[in-house]
Protein backbone atom coordinates (compact mmCIF):
# COMPACT_ATOMS: atom_id res chain seq x y z
CA UNK A 1 10.80 19.59 -13.05
CA UNK A 2 8.39 17.47 -15.10
CA UNK A 3 7.39 13.89 -14.34
CA UNK A 4 9.36 12.79 -17.42
CA UNK A 5 12.53 14.07 -15.73
CA UNK A 6 12.18 11.71 -12.77
CA UNK A 7 14.58 8.76 -12.46
CA UNK A 8 12.49 5.65 -11.88
CA UNK A 9 13.43 2.10 -10.92
CA UNK A 10 11.58 -1.19 -10.51
CA UNK A 11 12.01 -3.96 -7.93
CA UNK A 12 10.16 -6.95 -9.30
CA UNK A 13 9.53 -7.33 -13.01
CA UNK A 14 6.52 -9.63 -13.12
CA UNK A 15 2.91 -9.20 -14.21
CA UNK A 16 1.76 -6.27 -12.10
CA UNK A 17 5.08 -4.49 -12.67
CA UNK A 18 4.57 -4.87 -16.42
CA UNK A 19 1.17 -3.24 -16.02
CA UNK A 20 2.70 -0.27 -14.22
CA UNK A 21 5.49 -0.03 -16.77
CA UNK A 22 2.87 0.30 -19.50
CA UNK A 23 1.28 3.22 -17.65
CA UNK A 24 4.60 4.98 -17.15
CA UNK A 25 5.53 4.57 -20.80
CA UNK A 26 2.16 6.05 -21.80
CA UNK A 27 2.99 9.06 -19.61
CA UNK A 28 6.30 9.53 -21.39
CA UNK A 29 8.27 8.30 -18.38
CA UNK A 30 11.28 6.11 -19.14
CA UNK A 31 12.48 4.08 -16.13
CA UNK A 32 16.25 3.64 -15.91
CA UNK A 33 16.81 0.61 -13.67
CA UNK A 34 15.19 -2.79 -13.18
CA UNK A 35 15.74 -5.45 -10.52
CA UNK A 36 14.45 -9.01 -10.38
CA UNK A 37 15.89 -12.24 -8.98
CA UNK A 38 15.28 -13.62 -12.48
CA UNK A 39 17.65 -11.47 -14.53
CA UNK A 40 15.90 -12.35 -17.78
CA UNK A 41 12.79 -10.54 -16.60
CA UNK A 42 14.75 -7.43 -15.67
CA UNK A 43 16.43 -7.55 -19.08
CA UNK A 44 13.04 -7.81 -20.81
CA UNK A 45 11.88 -4.63 -19.06
CA UNK A 46 15.06 -2.80 -20.05
CA UNK A 47 14.54 -3.95 -23.62
CA UNK A 48 10.99 -2.57 -23.62
CA UNK A 49 12.20 0.94 -22.81
CA UNK A 50 15.28 0.62 -25.03
CA UNK A 51 17.78 1.10 -22.20
CA UNK A 52 18.30 0.76 -18.46
CA UNK A 53 20.53 -1.03 -15.98
CA UNK A 54 19.54 -4.42 -14.61
CA UNK A 55 20.12 -6.01 -11.21
CA UNK A 56 19.29 -9.17 -9.32
CA UNK A 57 19.79 -7.61 -5.86
CA UNK A 58 17.96 -4.45 -4.82
CA UNK A 59 20.78 -3.43 -2.48
CA UNK A 60 23.01 -3.15 -5.54
CA UNK A 61 20.29 -1.15 -7.30
CA UNK A 62 20.15 1.44 -4.55
CA UNK A 63 23.92 1.62 -4.20
CA UNK A 64 24.58 2.24 -7.87
CA UNK A 65 21.54 4.24 -9.00
CA UNK A 66 20.36 7.69 -7.92
CA UNK A 67 16.60 7.29 -8.16
CA UNK A 68 13.75 9.65 -7.47
CA UNK A 69 11.21 6.85 -7.06
CA UNK A 70 10.94 3.08 -7.13
CA UNK A 71 8.01 0.79 -7.95
CA UNK A 72 8.12 -2.25 -5.62
CA UNK A 73 6.12 -5.05 -7.24
CA UNK A 74 7.17 -8.27 -5.50
CA UNK A 75 5.12 -11.08 -3.88
CA UNK A 76 4.15 -10.70 -0.20
CA UNK A 77 6.71 -13.18 1.11
CA UNK A 78 9.57 -11.36 -0.64
CA UNK A 79 9.19 -8.13 1.34
CA UNK A 80 12.17 -7.58 3.62
CA UNK A 81 13.90 -4.20 4.02
CA UNK A 82 13.57 -2.81 0.48
CA UNK A 83 11.32 0.06 1.59
CA UNK A 84 13.65 0.93 4.47
CA UNK A 85 16.68 0.96 2.17
CA UNK A 86 14.81 3.06 -0.39
CA UNK A 87 13.83 5.61 2.25
CA UNK A 88 17.41 5.75 3.56
CA UNK A 89 18.50 6.62 0.02
CA UNK A 90 15.82 9.33 -0.19
CA UNK A 91 13.88 7.38 -2.83
CA UNK A 92 10.10 7.76 -2.94
CA UNK A 93 8.20 4.47 -2.84
CA UNK A 94 5.24 3.08 -4.78
CA UNK A 95 4.48 -0.36 -3.34
CA UNK A 96 1.91 -2.92 -4.41
CA UNK A 97 -0.48 -4.52 -1.93
CA UNK A 98 -0.22 -6.23 0.45
CA UNK A 99 2.80 -4.35 1.77
CA UNK A 100 3.92 -7.32 3.92
CA UNK A 101 2.81 -10.53 5.57
CA UNK A 102 3.34 -9.34 9.14
CA UNK A 103 2.83 -6.14 11.09
CA UNK A 104 6.45 -5.75 12.21
CA UNK A 105 7.72 -5.63 8.63
CA UNK A 106 4.94 -3.23 7.66
CA UNK A 107 5.68 -1.00 10.65
CA UNK A 108 9.36 -0.84 9.72
CA UNK A 109 8.24 0.48 6.31
CA UNK A 110 5.99 3.13 7.84
CA UNK A 111 8.68 4.22 10.31
CA UNK A 112 11.32 4.55 7.57
CA UNK A 113 9.00 6.54 5.29
CA UNK A 114 8.36 8.97 8.15
CA UNK A 115 11.95 9.10 9.40
CA UNK A 116 13.38 10.04 6.03
CA UNK A 117 10.37 12.06 4.89
CA UNK A 118 9.91 10.39 1.52
CA UNK A 119 6.61 9.94 -0.27
CA UNK A 120 4.75 6.64 -0.47
CA UNK A 121 1.78 5.21 -2.33
CA UNK A 122 0.16 1.79 -1.91
CA UNK A 123 -1.41 0.23 -5.00
CA UNK A 124 -5.07 0.03 -3.94
CA UNK A 125 -6.26 1.01 -7.39
CA UNK A 126 -10.00 0.63 -6.68
CA UNK A 127 -9.83 3.97 -4.88
CA UNK A 128 -9.00 5.65 -8.20
CA UNK A 129 -12.15 4.69 -10.10
CA UNK A 130 -14.08 7.88 -10.80
CA UNK A 131 -17.32 6.05 -10.06
CA UNK A 132 -16.01 5.08 -6.62
CA UNK A 133 -14.97 8.65 -5.86
CA UNK A 134 -18.37 10.05 -6.86
CA UNK A 135 -20.16 7.36 -4.88
CA UNK A 136 -18.02 8.17 -1.83
CA UNK A 137 -18.86 11.86 -2.13
CA UNK A 138 -22.58 11.05 -2.29
CA UNK A 139 -22.30 8.70 0.68
CA UNK A 140 -20.49 11.29 2.80
CA UNK A 141 -22.73 14.22 1.85
CA UNK A 142 -26.17 12.66 1.84
CA UNK A 143 -25.98 9.03 2.89
CA UNK A 144 -26.42 9.48 6.58
CA UNK A 145 -25.47 6.70 8.94
CA UNK A 146 -24.06 3.55 7.36
CA UNK A 147 -25.73 0.34 8.52
CA UNK A 148 -24.79 -2.63 6.36
CA UNK A 149 -21.78 -3.51 4.19
CA UNK A 150 -21.41 -6.55 1.95
CA UNK A 151 -18.24 -7.29 -0.01
CA UNK A 152 -17.14 -10.25 -2.09
CA UNK A 153 -14.25 -11.57 -4.14
CA UNK A 154 -15.44 -14.71 -5.89
CA UNK A 155 -12.71 -15.76 -8.28
CA UNK A 156 -10.28 -18.54 -9.08
CA UNK A 157 -6.61 -19.37 -8.67
CA UNK A 158 -4.74 -16.76 -10.75
CA UNK A 159 -3.16 -18.50 -13.72
CA UNK A 160 -0.51 -15.81 -14.23
CA UNK A 161 0.90 -16.09 -10.70
CA UNK A 162 3.44 -18.65 -9.50
CA UNK A 163 2.79 -21.46 -7.04
CA UNK A 164 3.40 -19.16 -4.08
CA UNK A 165 -0.21 -17.90 -4.23
CA UNK A 166 -1.67 -21.18 -2.91
CA UNK A 167 0.68 -21.27 0.11
CA UNK A 168 -0.30 -19.40 3.25
CA UNK A 169 3.30 -18.86 4.33
CA UNK A 170 4.01 -17.07 1.05
CA UNK A 171 0.77 -15.23 0.16
CA UNK A 172 -1.02 -14.96 3.48
CA UNK A 173 -4.06 -16.56 1.88
CA UNK A 174 -6.63 -15.12 -0.51
CA UNK A 175 -7.95 -12.74 2.14
CA UNK A 176 -4.51 -11.14 2.67
CA UNK A 177 -3.29 -11.17 -0.94
CA UNK A 178 -6.40 -10.56 -3.02
CA UNK A 179 -9.52 -9.78 -0.97
CA UNK A 180 -7.39 -7.05 0.64
CA UNK A 181 -8.79 -4.84 -2.16
CA UNK A 182 -12.32 -5.26 -0.80
CA UNK A 183 -11.24 -4.70 2.81
CA UNK A 184 -9.47 -1.53 1.69
CA UNK A 185 -12.46 -0.35 -0.33
CA UNK A 186 -14.69 -0.93 2.70
CA UNK A 187 -12.32 1.17 4.81
CA UNK A 188 -12.20 3.88 2.16
CA UNK A 189 -15.98 4.16 1.92
CA UNK A 190 -17.17 3.20 5.40
CA UNK A 191 -14.37 3.98 7.84
CA UNK A 192 -12.16 1.85 10.04
CA UNK A 193 -12.92 -1.79 10.82
CA UNK A 194 -12.98 -2.45 14.56
CA UNK A 195 -13.52 -6.21 14.87
CA UNK A 196 -13.38 -9.25 12.56
CA UNK A 197 -14.80 -12.74 13.07
CA UNK A 198 -13.87 -15.39 10.52
CA UNK A 199 -15.10 -18.76 9.32
CA UNK A 200 -12.98 -20.19 6.51
CA UNK A 201 -11.77 -23.57 5.30
CA UNK A 202 -10.25 -25.55 2.46
CA UNK A 203 -13.14 -27.59 1.08
CA UNK A 204 -13.04 -27.49 -2.73
CA UNK A 205 -9.32 -27.51 -3.61
CA UNK A 206 -8.23 -30.45 -1.45
CA UNK A 207 -7.07 -32.21 -4.62
CA UNK A 208 -4.43 -29.55 -5.39
CA UNK A 209 -0.97 -30.50 -4.03
CA UNK A 210 0.52 -27.88 -1.72
CA UNK A 211 -2.73 -25.88 -1.39
CA UNK A 212 -2.59 -24.50 2.18
CA UNK A 213 -4.85 -21.42 1.96
CA UNK A 214 -8.60 -21.06 2.34
CA UNK A 215 -10.73 -21.70 -0.73
CA UNK A 216 -13.86 -20.36 0.99
CA UNK A 217 -14.04 -17.68 3.64
CA UNK A 218 -16.59 -15.45 5.35
CA UNK A 219 -15.52 -12.45 7.44
CA UNK A 220 -18.01 -10.69 9.72
CA UNK A 221 -17.09 -7.09 10.48
CA UNK A 222 -18.01 -4.42 12.98
CA UNK A 223 -16.94 -0.90 11.97
CA UNK A 224 -15.96 1.78 14.46
CA UNK A 225 -19.00 3.81 13.36
CA UNK A 226 -21.27 0.94 14.41
CA UNK A 227 -22.00 -0.49 10.95
CA UNK A 228 -21.93 -4.25 10.48
CA UNK A 229 -20.64 -6.03 7.41
CA UNK A 230 -19.65 -9.27 5.80
CA UNK A 231 -16.99 -9.97 3.19
CA UNK A 232 -16.66 -13.36 1.52
CA UNK A 233 -14.05 -14.84 -0.76
CA UNK A 234 -13.44 -17.98 -2.76
CA UNK A 235 -10.92 -19.18 -5.30
CA UNK A 236 -13.31 -21.85 -6.55
CA UNK A 237 -15.78 -19.80 -8.60
CA UNK A 238 -16.49 -20.87 -12.16
CA UNK A 239 -14.92 -18.75 -14.91
CA UNK A 240 -18.37 -17.55 -15.92
CA UNK A 241 -19.52 -16.99 -12.34
CA UNK A 242 -16.90 -14.72 -10.84
CA UNK A 243 -17.99 -11.59 -8.98
CA UNK A 244 -16.08 -8.84 -7.23
CA UNK A 245 -17.59 -5.84 -5.51
CA UNK A 246 -19.02 -4.04 -2.50
CA UNK A 247 -22.53 -3.04 -1.47
CA UNK A 248 -23.47 -0.49 1.17
CA UNK A 249 -26.78 0.40 2.78
CA UNK A 250 -26.93 3.78 4.50
CA UNK A 251 -29.88 5.70 5.95
CA UNK A 252 -30.61 7.71 2.80
CA UNK A 253 -28.99 5.83 -0.05
CA UNK A 254 -27.59 2.52 -1.20
CA UNK A 255 -24.38 1.86 -3.16
CA UNK A 256 -23.21 -1.00 -5.34
CA UNK A 257 -19.58 -0.97 -6.53
CA UNK A 258 -18.28 -3.29 -9.25
CA UNK A 259 -15.23 -3.24 -11.53
CA UNK A 260 -17.44 -1.64 -14.21
CA UNK A 261 -19.44 0.97 -12.34
CA UNK A 262 -20.85 2.49 -9.19
CA UNK A 263 -24.62 2.44 -8.73
CA UNK A 264 -26.36 4.85 -6.38
CA UNK A 265 -29.93 4.09 -5.27
CA UNK A 266 -32.09 6.89 -3.84
CA UNK A 267 -35.72 6.06 -3.14
CA UNK A 268 -37.30 4.98 -6.43
CA UNK A 269 -34.40 6.32 -8.50
CA UNK A 270 -31.04 4.81 -9.36
CA UNK A 271 -27.97 6.24 -11.05
CA UNK A 272 -25.16 4.22 -12.63
CA UNK A 273 -21.76 5.85 -12.98
CA UNK A 274 -19.63 3.88 -15.42
CA UNK A 275 -15.94 4.03 -14.56
CA UNK A 276 -14.23 6.05 -17.27
CA UNK A 277 -10.62 6.10 -16.10
CA UNK A 278 -7.75 3.62 -15.99
CA UNK A 279 -7.18 3.38 -12.22
CA UNK A 280 -3.58 2.15 -12.60
CA UNK A 281 -2.75 5.10 -14.83
CA UNK A 282 -4.41 7.45 -12.33
CA UNK A 283 -2.43 6.20 -9.33
CA UNK A 284 0.89 6.16 -11.19
CA UNK A 285 0.34 9.64 -12.60
CA UNK A 286 -0.75 11.08 -9.25
CA UNK A 287 2.22 9.56 -7.43
CA UNK A 288 4.68 11.06 -9.90
CA UNK A 289 2.89 14.40 -9.70
CA UNK A 290 3.06 14.38 -5.91
CA UNK A 291 6.85 14.04 -6.13
CA UNK A 292 7.24 16.88 -8.61
CA UNK A 293 4.87 19.16 -6.68
CA UNK A 294 5.99 18.01 -3.22
CA UNK A 295 2.37 17.25 -2.34
CA UNK A 296 0.76 14.66 -0.06
CA UNK A 297 -0.23 11.34 -1.61
CA UNK A 298 -3.74 9.90 -1.54
CA UNK A 299 -2.83 6.38 -0.40
CA UNK A 300 0.28 6.64 1.83
CA UNK A 301 2.01 3.67 3.43
CA UNK A 302 -0.14 3.98 6.59
CA UNK A 303 -3.17 2.92 4.54
CA UNK A 304 -1.36 -0.26 3.57
CA UNK A 305 -0.58 -0.93 7.22
CA UNK A 306 -4.17 -0.49 8.38
CA UNK A 307 -5.69 -2.63 5.62
CA UNK A 308 -3.06 -5.31 6.28
CA UNK A 309 -3.99 -5.25 9.97
CA UNK A 310 -7.65 -5.87 9.10
CA UNK A 311 -6.86 -8.87 6.90
CA UNK A 312 -4.39 -10.29 9.42
CA UNK A 313 -7.08 -9.92 12.08
CA UNK A 314 -9.30 -12.04 9.82
CA UNK A 315 -6.68 -14.79 9.69
CA UNK A 316 -6.01 -14.55 13.42
CA UNK A 317 -9.74 -14.84 14.15
CA UNK A 318 -9.82 -18.06 12.15
CA UNK A 319 -6.89 -19.40 14.17
CA UNK A 320 -8.34 -18.39 17.54
CA UNK A 321 -11.95 -19.23 16.66
CA UNK A 322 -13.19 -15.92 18.09
CA UNK A 323 -13.52 -12.25 17.08
CA UNK A 324 -10.31 -10.23 16.93
CA UNK A 325 -9.92 -6.46 17.23
CA UNK A 326 -7.91 -4.83 14.46
CA UNK A 327 -6.14 -2.55 16.94
CA UNK A 328 -4.82 -5.66 18.69
CA UNK A 329 -2.97 -6.56 15.50
CA UNK A 330 -1.48 -3.06 15.31
CA UNK A 331 -0.10 -3.46 18.85
């Protein structure tokens, strides 16, 4: 079987789903079914591939279609039992981050994936940058002990996303919905996060009606390997002043990861590795290939659970006004 023979469906036909559809089309893959609560969006996806069934309820999708894999691209608050139903139908699951807003829902996903032995992949695309992979190899082989980690997501309110993003009950806040990429990258490069202490507030967007999430936040981390770190986020950066990335100081080298490149500093020398791959294309292609070859996936559902637990620990620390252990969130 070739990846072009796989029967693919979509749940959620918004912006990120459109991005994934573009990658699949470029790979010669033609999805056959699309589901969205707004039927017009599902119809637009079907039109783009020239065919395909459309649905407004994912239960109907799974009942009527015999899929090999499904791309789940819905907002955090919309996650219910779609992963469980997919697994029960023996459908492999690609799911965008964050996988849920609470641990119980996320755990039900993990349990179903294991129970029915289907493949899963969580859309943490930063892991697919070739610069990140080479930097990780250097860090593991020659970096020595990791001491300090600094991450940041300084951006603005996404203009292409609906009003749910500014509501904590629907997005989880910027740390859960967006800065999750930096928490995941920190885990990928530096190991598990043990404890989080948070200071965050709404200071700059108090004039926006219905804005209930943080607009500034600072998260102090202790990793299980002893390293300390800090991640900050804001949705109030100026359009010309945004910055996203991660810096690491280890015993024998220093790393700086950005959306454009990975820089490795060794003594008086520095090397910049410009990212040369489309990370979305890489993750979509690898997921399809894992299905055809019956191979393990690089970012299984458990990774989504553990990164979610770290960001939820950050929110819980803010609520309790004290450090919170990530394992406490996992139960």
